[in-house]
Amino acid sequence: MTGSDMEALYATAVANVRQPHLDRLREADVTASTIARLGSAYPPFGVCAGEVERFCRFLPGEGQPYVIQPVVDGCELIDLVAWRVANPTRWGLVNGTGWLLNADACLGSRWDAGSLTLHATPLDWLRADASGGVVLDWDAPDMMTLRSFDRIDCGNDMLAGALRRALYHFPIFSVPLLDSPAGWIALAQQMGLPPKLTVH
């Protein structure tokens, strides 16, 4: 899908929002102030019918209504993430290029070696007043940028475990004899120290 097609889809999804959709989010513990604050930068969400296919791709069209949220990177709309309030742990991306919800705010804080808060789902992110971020694609090459944080606070143990696996999943490096202490030291030097993970 081209950028203009995605923007048109997002604009249509935003126009589809009605009061029952807002009420449904309120019932899911998303505050009106969060939605209003997000809406000052860009529309916080839309609603679009469709289905999440294999490989976590969202296909708009026939199907159930999904919450549609923008995935912005470098102040540009790069993707849309679709999820349902009834099943927020399963989502799909329209283009498959977005990897982190709220990337600009999250990655801006890594330059001062700060901390990052990650949530398990886009709904959890909204419940937390849209602070921190959500990993949308665990296989994205950009995942390694999270290693530059001193500490990453995770919403639950399952998220911390997934993040730990993702940050230690790396391509094969040219390090001989990884079963030896010297090999592991060389690998650690190439990879850098991982961030401290905490569960909040």
C-alpha atoms as a PDB file:
ATOM      1  CA  MET A   1       0.000   0.000   0.000  1.00  0.00           C
ATOM      2  CA  THR A   2       1.395   3.388  -0.970  1.00  0.00           C
ATOM      3  CA  GLY A   3       1.775   6.213   1.503  1.00  0.00           C
ATOM      4  CA  SER A   4      -1.149   8.153   0.024  1.00  0.00           C
ATOM      5  CA  ASP A   5      -3.376   5.050   0.093  1.00  0.00           C
ATOM      6  CA  MET A   6      -2.483   4.473   3.738  1.00  0.00           C
ATOM      7  CA  GLU A   7      -3.219   8.097   4.614  1.00  0.00           C
ATOM      8  CA  ALA A   8      -6.580   7.817   2.844  1.00  0.00           C
ATOM      9  CA  LEU A   9      -7.365   4.615   4.760  1.00  0.00           C
ATOM     10  CA  TYR A  10      -6.443   6.311   8.030  1.00  0.00           C
ATOM     11  CA  ALA A  11      -8.559   9.383   7.231  1.00  0.00           C
ATOM     12  CA  THR A  12     -11.537   7.136   6.457  1.00  0.00           C
ATOM     13  CA  ALA A  13     -10.975   5.176   9.679  1.00  0.00           C
ATOM     14  CA  VAL A  14     -10.865   8.397  11.714  1.00  0.00           C
ATOM     15  CA  ALA A  15     -14.111   9.562  10.067  1.00  0.00           C
ATOM     16  CA  ASN A  16     -15.734   6.257  11.088  1.00  0.00           C
ATOM     17  CA  VAL A  17     -15.340   6.942  14.827  1.00  0.00           C
ATOM     18  CA  ARG A  18     -18.640   7.344  16.643  1.00  0.00           C
ATOM     19  CA  GLN A  19     -19.588   7.839  20.276  1.00  0.00           C
ATOM     20  CA  PRO A  20     -20.026   4.078  20.929  1.00  0.00           C
ATOM     21  CA  HIS A  21     -16.387   3.563  19.925  1.00  0.00           C
ATOM     22  CA  LEU A  22     -15.271   6.197  22.426  1.00  0.00           C
ATOM     23  CA  ASP A  23     -17.501   4.646  25.066  1.00  0.00           C
ATOM     24  CA  ARG A  24     -15.965   1.209  24.387  1.00  0.00           C
ATOM     25  CA  LEU A  25     -12.468   2.579  25.006  1.00  0.00           C
ATOM     26  CA  ARG A  26     -13.657   4.325  28.172  1.00  0.00           C
ATOM     27  CA  GLU A  27     -15.074   1.006  29.383  1.00  0.00           C
ATOM     28  CA  ALA A  28     -11.618  -0.495  28.728  1.00  0.00           C
ATOM     29  CA  ASP A  29     -10.078   2.067  31.161  1.00  0.00           C
ATOM     30  CA  VAL A  30      -8.784   4.543  28.575  1.00  0.00           C
ATOM     31  CA  THR A  31      -9.385   8.060  29.887  1.00  0.00           C
ATOM     32  CA  ALA A  32     -11.008  10.822  27.868  1.00  0.00           C
ATOM     33  CA  SER A  33      -8.046  13.060  28.685  1.00  0.00           C
ATOM     34  CA  THR A  34      -5.647  10.592  27.037  1.00  0.00           C
ATOM     35  CA  ILE A  35      -7.699  10.558  23.842  1.00  0.00           C
ATOM     36  CA  ALA A  36      -7.977  14.360  23.870  1.00  0.00           C
ATOM     37  CA  ARG A  37      -4.255  14.830  24.470  1.00  0.00           C
ATOM     38  CA  LEU A  38      -3.296  12.443  21.697  1.00  0.00           C
ATOM     39  CA  GLY A  39      -5.726  14.175  19.373  1.00  0.00           C
ATOM     40  CA  SER A  40      -3.815  17.435  19.672  1.00  0.00           C
ATOM     41  CA  ALA A  41      -0.874  15.981  17.709  1.00  0.00           C
ATOM     42  CA  TYR A  42      -2.713  13.699  15.259  1.00  0.00           C
ATOM     43  CA  PRO A  43      -5.963  11.748  15.410  1.00  0.00           C
ATOM     44  CA  PRO A  44      -5.487   9.167  18.170  1.00  0.00           C
ATOM     45  CA  PHE A  45      -7.398   6.371  16.470  1.00  0.00           C
ATOM     46  CA  GLY A  46      -9.871   5.349  13.835  1.00  0.00           C
ATOM     47  CA  VAL A  47     -12.180   2.404  13.225  1.00  0.00           C
ATOM     48  CA  CYS A  48     -12.023   0.138  10.188  1.00  0.00           C
ATOM     49  CA  ALA A  49     -13.513  -3.240   9.311  1.00  0.00           C
ATOM     50  CA  GLY A  50     -11.156  -5.986   8.222  1.00  0.00           C
ATOM     51  CA  GLU A  51      -9.221  -8.967   9.507  1.00  0.00           C
ATOM     52  CA  VAL A  52      -5.755  -9.826  10.733  1.00  0.00           C
ATOM     53  CA  GLU A  53      -4.206 -12.392   8.411  1.00  0.00           C
ATOM     54  CA  ARG A  54      -1.238 -14.663   8.874  1.00  0.00           C
ATOM     55  CA  PHE A  55       2.067 -12.902   9.475  1.00  0.00           C
ATOM     56  CA  CYS A  56       0.184 -10.222  11.450  1.00  0.00           C
ATOM     57  CA  ARG A  57      -0.972  -8.225   8.442  1.00  0.00           C
ATOM     58  CA  PHE A  58      -4.240  -6.300   8.617  1.00  0.00           C
ATOM     59  CA  LEU A  59      -6.416  -6.456   5.521  1.00  0.00           C
ATOM     60  CA  PRO A  60      -9.084  -3.740   5.481  1.00  0.00           C
ATOM     61  CA  GLY A  61     -12.447  -4.636   3.988  1.00  0.00           C
ATOM     62  CA  GLU A  62     -14.938  -7.224   5.165  1.00  0.00           C
ATOM     63  CA  GLY A  63     -14.799  -8.349   8.770  1.00  0.00           C
ATOM     64  CA  GLN A  64     -15.099  -7.072  12.298  1.00  0.00           C
ATOM     65  CA  PRO A  65     -14.372  -3.493  13.344  1.00  0.00           C
ATOM     66  CA  TYR A  66     -10.808  -2.821  14.502  1.00  0.00           C
ATOM     67  CA  VAL A  67      -9.227   0.088  16.300  1.00  0.00           C
ATOM     68  CA  ILE A  68      -6.735   1.701  13.908  1.00  0.00           C
ATOM     69  CA  GLN A  69      -3.786   3.635  15.341  1.00  0.00           C
ATOM     70  CA  PRO A  70      -1.057   5.503  13.477  1.00  0.00           C
ATOM     71  CA  VAL A  71       2.541   4.317  13.666  1.00  0.00           C
ATOM     72  CA  VAL A  72       4.683   7.420  13.323  1.00  0.00           C
ATOM     73  CA  ASP A  73       8.460   7.509  12.891  1.00  0.00           C
ATOM     74  CA  GLY A  74      10.427  10.663  12.214  1.00  0.00           C
ATOM     75  CA  CYS A  75       7.137  12.613  12.385  1.00  0.00           C
ATOM     76  CA  GLU A  76       5.860  10.651   9.370  1.00  0.00           C
ATOM     77  CA  LEU A  77       3.031   8.155   9.178  1.00  0.00           C
ATOM     78  CA  ILE A  78       4.768   4.906   8.216  1.00  0.00           C
ATOM     79  CA  ASP A  79       2.151   2.300   9.121  1.00  0.00           C
ATOM     80  CA  LEU A  80      -1.148   1.600  10.845  1.00  0.00           C
ATOM     81  CA  VAL A  81      -1.726  -0.941  13.600  1.00  0.00           C
ATOM     82  CA  ALA A  82      -5.143  -2.600  13.920  1.00  0.00           C
ATOM     83  CA  TRP A  83      -6.435  -4.356  17.044  1.00  0.00           C
ATOM     84  CA  ARG A  84      -9.673  -5.186  18.824  1.00  0.00           C
ATOM     85  CA  VAL A  85     -10.591  -4.163  22.367  1.00  0.00           C
ATOM     86  CA  ALA A  86     -11.899  -7.695  22.964  1.00  0.00           C
ATOM     87  CA  ASN A  87      -8.516  -9.215  21.990  1.00  0.00           C
ATOM     88  CA  PRO A  88      -5.793  -6.547  22.303  1.00  0.00           C
ATOM     89  CA  THR A  89      -2.910  -9.039  22.279  1.00  0.00           C
ATOM     90  CA  ARG A  90      -3.477  -9.809  18.581  1.00  0.00           C
ATOM     91  CA  TRP A  91      -2.840  -7.009  16.133  1.00  0.00           C
ATOM     92  CA  GLY A  92      -1.892  -6.512  12.526  1.00  0.00           C
ATOM     93  CA  LEU A  93       0.063  -3.924  10.576  1.00  0.00           C
ATOM     94  CA  VAL A  94      -1.145  -2.524   7.267  1.00  0.00           C
ATOM     95  CA  ASN A  95       2.285  -2.166   5.618  1.00  0.00           C
ATOM     96  CA  GLY A  96       4.480  -4.198   7.945  1.00  0.00           C
ATOM     97  CA  THR A  97       7.040  -1.392   8.257  1.00  0.00           C
ATOM     98  CA  GLY A  98       6.129  -0.142  11.741  1.00  0.00           C
ATOM     99  CA  TRP A  99       7.912  -1.824  14.623  1.00  0.00           C
ATOM    100  CA  LEU A 100       7.390   0.455  17.640  1.00  0.00           C
ATOM    101  CA  LEU A 101       4.291   2.390  18.635  1.00  0.00           C
ATOM    102  CA  ASN A 102       5.242   5.915  19.796  1.00  0.00           C
ATOM    103  CA  ALA A 103       8.736   5.494  18.349  1.00  0.00           C
ATOM    104  CA  ASP A 104       9.638   9.181  18.199  1.00  0.00           C
ATOM    105  CA  ALA A 105       9.006   9.766  21.901  1.00  0.00           C
ATOM    106  CA  CYS A 106      10.583   6.452  22.922  1.00  0.00           C
ATOM    107  CA  LEU A 107      13.770   6.651  20.908  1.00  0.00           C
ATOM    108  CA  GLY A 108      14.340  10.320  21.654  1.00  0.00           C
ATOM    109  CA  SER A 109      15.118   9.441  25.262  1.00  0.00           C
ATOM    110  CA  ARG A 110      17.831   6.893  24.402  1.00  0.00           C
ATOM    111  CA  TRP A 111      20.411   9.557  23.617  1.00  0.00           C
ATOM    112  CA  ASP A 112      20.732  10.458  27.271  1.00  0.00           C
ATOM    113  CA  ALA A 113      21.080   6.757  28.187  1.00  0.00           C
ATOM    114  CA  GLY A 114      17.761   6.946  29.921  1.00  0.00           C
ATOM    115  CA  SER A 115      15.025   4.461  30.615  1.00  0.00           C
ATOM    116  CA  LEU A 116      12.145   3.274  28.494  1.00  0.00           C
ATOM    117  CA  THR A 117       8.739   1.910  29.449  1.00  0.00           C
ATOM    118  CA  LEU A 118       7.198  -0.744  27.215  1.00  0.00           C
ATOM    119  CA  HIS A 119       3.648  -2.041  27.329  1.00  0.00           C
ATOM    120  CA  ALA A 120       2.365  -5.389  26.126  1.00  0.00           C
ATOM    121  CA  THR A 121      -0.423  -4.089  23.877  1.00  0.00           C
ATOM    122  CA  PRO A 122      -1.623  -0.870  22.239  1.00  0.00           C
ATOM    123  CA  LEU A 123      -4.566  -0.926  24.654  1.00  0.00           C
ATOM    124  CA  ASP A 124      -2.188  -1.088  27.640  1.00  0.00           C
ATOM    125  CA  TRP A 125      -0.324   1.868  26.138  1.00  0.00           C
ATOM    126  CA  LEU A 126      -3.528   3.891  25.967  1.00  0.00           C
ATOM    127  CA  ARG A 127      -4.407   2.869  29.534  1.00  0.00           C
ATOM    128  CA  ALA A 128      -1.007   4.236  30.631  1.00  0.00           C
ATOM    129  CA  ASP A 129      -1.817   7.679  29.204  1.00  0.00           C
ATOM    130  CA  ALA A 130       0.073   6.854  25.993  1.00  0.00           C
ATOM    131  CA  SER A 131       3.472   7.012  27.679  1.00  0.00           C
ATOM    132  CA  GLY A 132       6.250   4.659  26.640  1.00  0.00           C
ATOM    133  CA  GLY A 133       5.747   2.375  23.670  1.00  0.00           C
ATOM    134  CA  VAL A 134       4.698  -1.001  22.314  1.00  0.00           C
ATOM    135  CA  VAL A 135       6.879  -3.341  20.257  1.00  0.00           C
ATOM    136  CA  LEU A 136       4.746  -4.202  17.239  1.00  0.00           C
ATOM    137  CA  ASP A 137       7.246  -6.346  15.332  1.00  0.00           C
ATOM    138  CA  TRP A 138       9.635  -8.456  17.419  1.00  0.00           C
ATOM    139  CA  ASP A 139      11.646  -9.488  14.350  1.00  0.00           C
ATOM    140  CA  ALA A 140      12.406  -5.971  13.148  1.00  0.00           C
ATOM    141  CA  PRO A 141      16.124  -5.185  12.751  1.00  0.00           C
ATOM    142  CA  ASP A 142      15.537  -1.921  14.633  1.00  0.00           C
ATOM    143  CA  MET A 143      14.903  -3.928  17.800  1.00  0.00           C
ATOM    144  CA  MET A 144      18.629  -3.719  18.500  1.00  0.00           C
ATOM    145  CA  THR A 145      18.315   0.045  19.058  1.00  0.00           C
ATOM    146  CA  LEU A 146      16.625  -0.801  22.363  1.00  0.00           C
ATOM    147  CA  ARG A 147      19.966  -2.064  23.619  1.00  0.00           C
ATOM    148  CA  SER A 148      21.113   1.548  23.965  1.00  0.00           C
ATOM    149  CA  PHE A 149      18.840   2.146  26.970  1.00  0.00           C
ATOM    150  CA  ASP A 150      20.173   1.731  30.492  1.00  0.00           C
ATOM    151  CA  ARG A 151      16.877   0.321  31.732  1.00  0.00           C
ATOM    152  CA  ILE A 152      13.634  -0.880  30.169  1.00  0.00           C
ATOM    153  CA  ASP A 153      10.554  -1.148  32.379  1.00  0.00           C
ATOM    154  CA  CYS A 154       8.147  -3.825  31.190  1.00  0.00           C
ATOM    155  CA  GLY A 155       4.444  -4.083  31.923  1.00  0.00           C
ATOM    156  CA  ASN A 156       4.576  -7.753  32.920  1.00  0.00           C
ATOM    157  CA  ASP A 157       6.812 -10.816  33.153  1.00  0.00           C
ATOM    158  CA  MET A 158       5.717 -12.159  29.767  1.00  0.00           C
ATOM    159  CA  LEU A 159       6.721  -8.920  28.039  1.00  0.00           C
ATOM    160  CA  ALA A 160      10.059  -8.868  29.883  1.00  0.00           C
ATOM    161  CA  GLY A 161      10.733 -12.449  28.749  1.00  0.00           C
ATOM    162  CA  ALA A 162       9.862 -11.659  25.134  1.00  0.00           C
ATOM    163  CA  LEU A 163      12.081  -8.594  25.201  1.00  0.00           C
ATOM    164  CA  ARG A 164      14.963 -10.527  26.740  1.00  0.00           C
ATOM    165  CA  ARG A 165      14.703 -13.172  23.992  1.00  0.00           C
ATOM    166  CA  ALA A 166      14.505 -10.522  21.276  1.00  0.00           C
ATOM    167  CA  LEU A 167      17.516  -8.577  22.525  1.00  0.00           C
ATOM    168  CA  TYR A 168      19.627 -11.714  22.763  1.00  0.00           C
ATOM    169  CA  HIS A 169      18.483 -13.003  19.371  1.00  0.00           C
ATOM    170  CA  PHE A 170      21.277 -11.876  17.119  1.00  0.00           C
ATOM    171  CA  PRO A 171      22.895 -12.931  13.863  1.00  0.00           C
ATOM    172  CA  ILE A 172      25.978 -15.108  13.969  1.00  0.00           C
ATOM    173  CA  PHE A 173      29.056 -13.050  14.771  1.00  0.00           C
ATOM    174  CA  SER A 174      32.593 -13.959  13.900  1.00  0.00           C
ATOM    175  CA  VAL A 175      33.441 -15.122  17.406  1.00  0.00           C
ATOM    176  CA  PRO A 176      35.282 -18.440  17.691  1.00  0.00           C
ATOM    177  CA  LEU A 177      34.455 -20.967  20.381  1.00  0.00           C
ATOM    178  CA  LEU A 178      31.388 -19.461  22.012  1.00  0.00           C
ATOM    179  CA  ASP A 179      31.522 -22.258  24.573  1.00  0.00           C
ATOM    180  CA  SER A 180      34.690 -20.729  25.987  1.00  0.00           C
ATOM    181  CA  PRO A 181      34.830 -17.725  28.354  1.00  0.00           C
ATOM    182  CA  ALA A 182      36.973 -15.799  25.878  1.00  0.00           C
ATOM    183  CA  GLY A 183      34.395 -16.340  23.147  1.00  0.00           C
ATOM    184  CA  TRP A 184      31.588 -15.039  25.323  1.00  0.00           C
ATOM    185  CA  ILE A 185      33.650 -12.011  26.358  1.00  0.00           C
ATOM    186  CA  ALA A 186      34.334 -11.211  22.707  1.00  0.00           C
ATOM    187  CA  LEU A 187      30.649 -11.583  21.885  1.00  0.00           C
ATOM    188  CA  ALA A 188      29.645  -9.289  24.760  1.00  0.00           C
ATOM    189  CA  GLN A 189      32.109  -6.676  23.524  1.00  0.00           C
ATOM    190  CA  GLN A 190      30.605  -6.803  20.040  1.00  0.00           C
ATOM    191  CA  MET A 191      27.006  -6.685  21.269  1.00  0.00           C
ATOM    192  CA  GLY A 192      27.333  -4.149  24.072  1.00  0.00           C
ATOM    193  CA  LEU A 193      25.724  -4.607  27.451  1.00  0.00           C
ATOM    194  CA  PRO A 194      21.970  -5.184  27.348  1.00  0.00           C
ATOM    195  CA  PRO A 195      19.651  -2.871  29.280  1.00  0.00           C
ATOM    196  CA  LYS A 196      18.427  -3.794  32.730  1.00  0.00           C
ATOM    197  CA  LEU A 197      14.839  -5.092  32.447  1.00  0.00           C
ATOM    198  CA  THR A 198      12.336  -4.430  35.218  1.00  0.00           C
ATOM    199  CA  VAL A 199       8.677  -5.304  35.590  1.00  0.00           C
ATOM    200  CA  HIS A 200       6.408  -2.562  36.892  1.00  0.00           C
END
